[in-house]
Every structure is written in structure tokens, then in C-alpha cells.
């Protein structure tokens, strides 16, 4: 972890300050999630082959993107349909399509 971050955290002296820091971190987390969703929406289209590399159950499987909503997408993996966060989706490489 960045030593300047550790020093800044250690310099917090009151509950009000820590609550303010927590609120700022939550806001930054929301912005980063939004950026991830927006970049995925730009690069993906309905009908694309996608993977979920960070998923425990679906890692390594290639599915077809059926529908995209605001923050979630419906993906078909064979006969199963899953609703997943758009930010987790990655476009499948052509070589992965046989998997």
C-alpha cells in the first residue's frame, strides 16, 4: 500500500474525519464502477461472444450477450441464461470460442 495513504489514514484524529473519508472513498468507488460499466458498454454489443474471467462459476466459459440494461446484462451460456454485472464482462477472443 502507498505509504502516503497509510500516513494520511494514521493522521485521522476524529470520527467526523473518518466518516468524511469513508464517504469520499464510497463516492470514488461509485465513479470507478460507472467508468467500468461505460467502457464495457462501448466495447460490447448484443450478439457478441463474452467471458466472465472473474467469475467463480463461469470463468473460462464463452457465452453470447443477449441483452444489456443499465448496469446488468443477460448472457447465455449454452442453455443457461445468467444476469451479470456489465463491468464483469470481457469480449471473448476468437480462439476462446471453441471452449
Protein backbone atom coordinates (compact mmCIF):
# COMPACT_ATOMS: atom_id res chain seq x y z
CA UNK A 1 0.00 0.00 0.00
CA UNK A 2 1.15 3.51 -0.76
CA UNK A 3 2.97 4.92 2.29
CA UNK A 4 1.43 8.38 1.82
CA UNK A 5 -2.04 6.81 2.06
CA UNK A 6 -1.05 5.00 5.26
CA UNK A 7 0.29 8.25 6.73
CA UNK A 8 -2.89 10.11 5.80
CA UNK A 9 -5.05 7.42 7.42
CA UNK A 10 -2.93 7.45 10.55
CA UNK A 11 -3.32 11.23 10.81
CA UNK A 12 -7.13 10.97 11.15
CA UNK A 13 -7.99 12.25 14.60
CA UNK A 14 -11.78 12.12 14.91
CA UNK A 15 -14.83 10.09 13.95
CA UNK A 16 -16.10 13.01 11.85
CA UNK A 17 -12.91 12.95 9.79
CA UNK A 18 -13.05 9.19 9.29
CA UNK A 19 -16.72 9.36 8.26
CA UNK A 20 -15.81 12.03 5.70
CA UNK A 21 -13.01 9.85 4.33
CA UNK A 22 -15.37 6.86 4.10
CA UNK A 23 -17.93 8.96 2.20
CA UNK A 24 -15.23 10.15 -0.22
CA UNK A 25 -13.99 6.58 -0.80
CA UNK A 26 -17.55 5.38 -1.48
CA UNK A 27 -18.01 8.22 -3.99
CA UNK A 28 -14.76 7.33 -5.76
CA UNK A 29 -15.75 3.65 -5.82
CA UNK A 30 -19.07 4.58 -7.45
CA UNK A 31 -17.26 6.67 -10.09
CA UNK A 32 -14.83 3.84 -10.89
CA UNK A 33 -17.69 1.33 -11.21
CA UNK A 34 -19.55 3.71 -13.50
CA UNK A 35 -16.45 4.13 -15.68
CA UNK A 36 -16.03 0.34 -15.92
CA UNK A 37 -19.68 -0.11 -16.96
CA UNK A 38 -19.46 2.69 -19.53
CA UNK A 39 -16.28 1.33 -21.12
CA UNK A 40 -17.81 -2.16 -21.30
CA UNK A 41 -20.99 -0.76 -22.89
CA UNK A 42 -18.91 1.00 -25.56
CA UNK A 43 -16.95 -2.13 -26.48
CA UNK A 44 -19.75 -4.73 -26.29
CA UNK A 45 -22.83 -5.27 -28.45
CA UNK A 46 -25.76 -7.69 -28.23
CA UNK A 47 -24.73 -10.89 -30.03
CA UNK A 48 -21.04 -10.64 -29.02
CA UNK A 49 -19.21 -13.60 -27.54
CA UNK A 50 -18.22 -12.74 -23.97
CA UNK A 51 -16.48 -14.25 -20.98
CA UNK A 52 -16.56 -13.57 -17.25
CA UNK A 53 -12.93 -14.08 -16.20
CA UNK A 54 -13.55 -13.01 -12.58
CA UNK A 55 -16.50 -15.38 -12.04
CA UNK A 56 -16.02 -18.49 -9.92
CA UNK A 57 -18.76 -20.47 -11.69
CA UNK A 58 -18.42 -19.19 -15.25
CA UNK A 59 -14.70 -18.45 -15.68
CA UNK A 60 -13.38 -19.91 -18.91
CA UNK A 61 -16.81 -20.32 -20.49
CA UNK A 62 -17.82 -18.34 -23.56
CA UNK A 63 -21.36 -17.03 -23.77
CA UNK A 64 -23.49 -14.88 -26.04
CA UNK A 65 -24.56 -11.42 -24.91
CA UNK A 66 -28.36 -11.36 -25.22
CA UNK A 67 -29.38 -8.08 -23.58
CA UNK A 68 -27.77 -5.05 -21.94
CA UNK A 69 -29.56 -2.92 -19.38
CA UNK A 70 -28.25 -0.02 -17.30
CA UNK A 71 -25.80 -1.97 -15.13
CA UNK A 72 -26.53 -5.65 -15.83
CA UNK A 73 -26.57 -7.89 -18.88
CA UNK A 74 -28.17 -11.20 -19.78
CA UNK A 75 -25.73 -13.76 -21.14
CA UNK A 76 -26.49 -17.24 -22.50
CA UNK A 77 -24.01 -19.98 -21.67
CA UNK A 78 -25.38 -22.89 -23.64
CA UNK A 79 -28.94 -23.43 -22.42
CA UNK A 80 -28.42 -21.38 -19.24
CA UNK A 81 -29.12 -17.65 -19.01
CA UNK A 82 -27.33 -15.55 -16.41
CA UNK A 83 -27.82 -11.95 -15.35
CA UNK A 84 -24.40 -10.48 -14.61
CA UNK A 85 -22.87 -7.04 -13.95
CA UNK A 86 -21.76 -5.46 -17.22
CA UNK A 87 -18.44 -4.43 -15.66
CA UNK A 88 -17.52 -8.13 -15.27
CA UNK A 89 -17.92 -8.90 -18.98
CA UNK A 90 -14.97 -9.18 -21.36
CA UNK A 91 -15.13 -9.76 -25.08
CA UNK A 92 -14.13 -13.33 -25.86
CA UNK A 93 -11.10 -13.84 -28.02
CA UNK A 94 -11.84 -15.68 -31.27
CA UNK A 95 -9.60 -18.54 -30.12
CA UNK A 96 -11.76 -18.95 -26.96
CA UNK A 97 -14.96 -19.51 -28.96
CA UNK A 98 -14.35 -23.25 -29.20
CA UNK A 99 -14.22 -23.65 -25.41
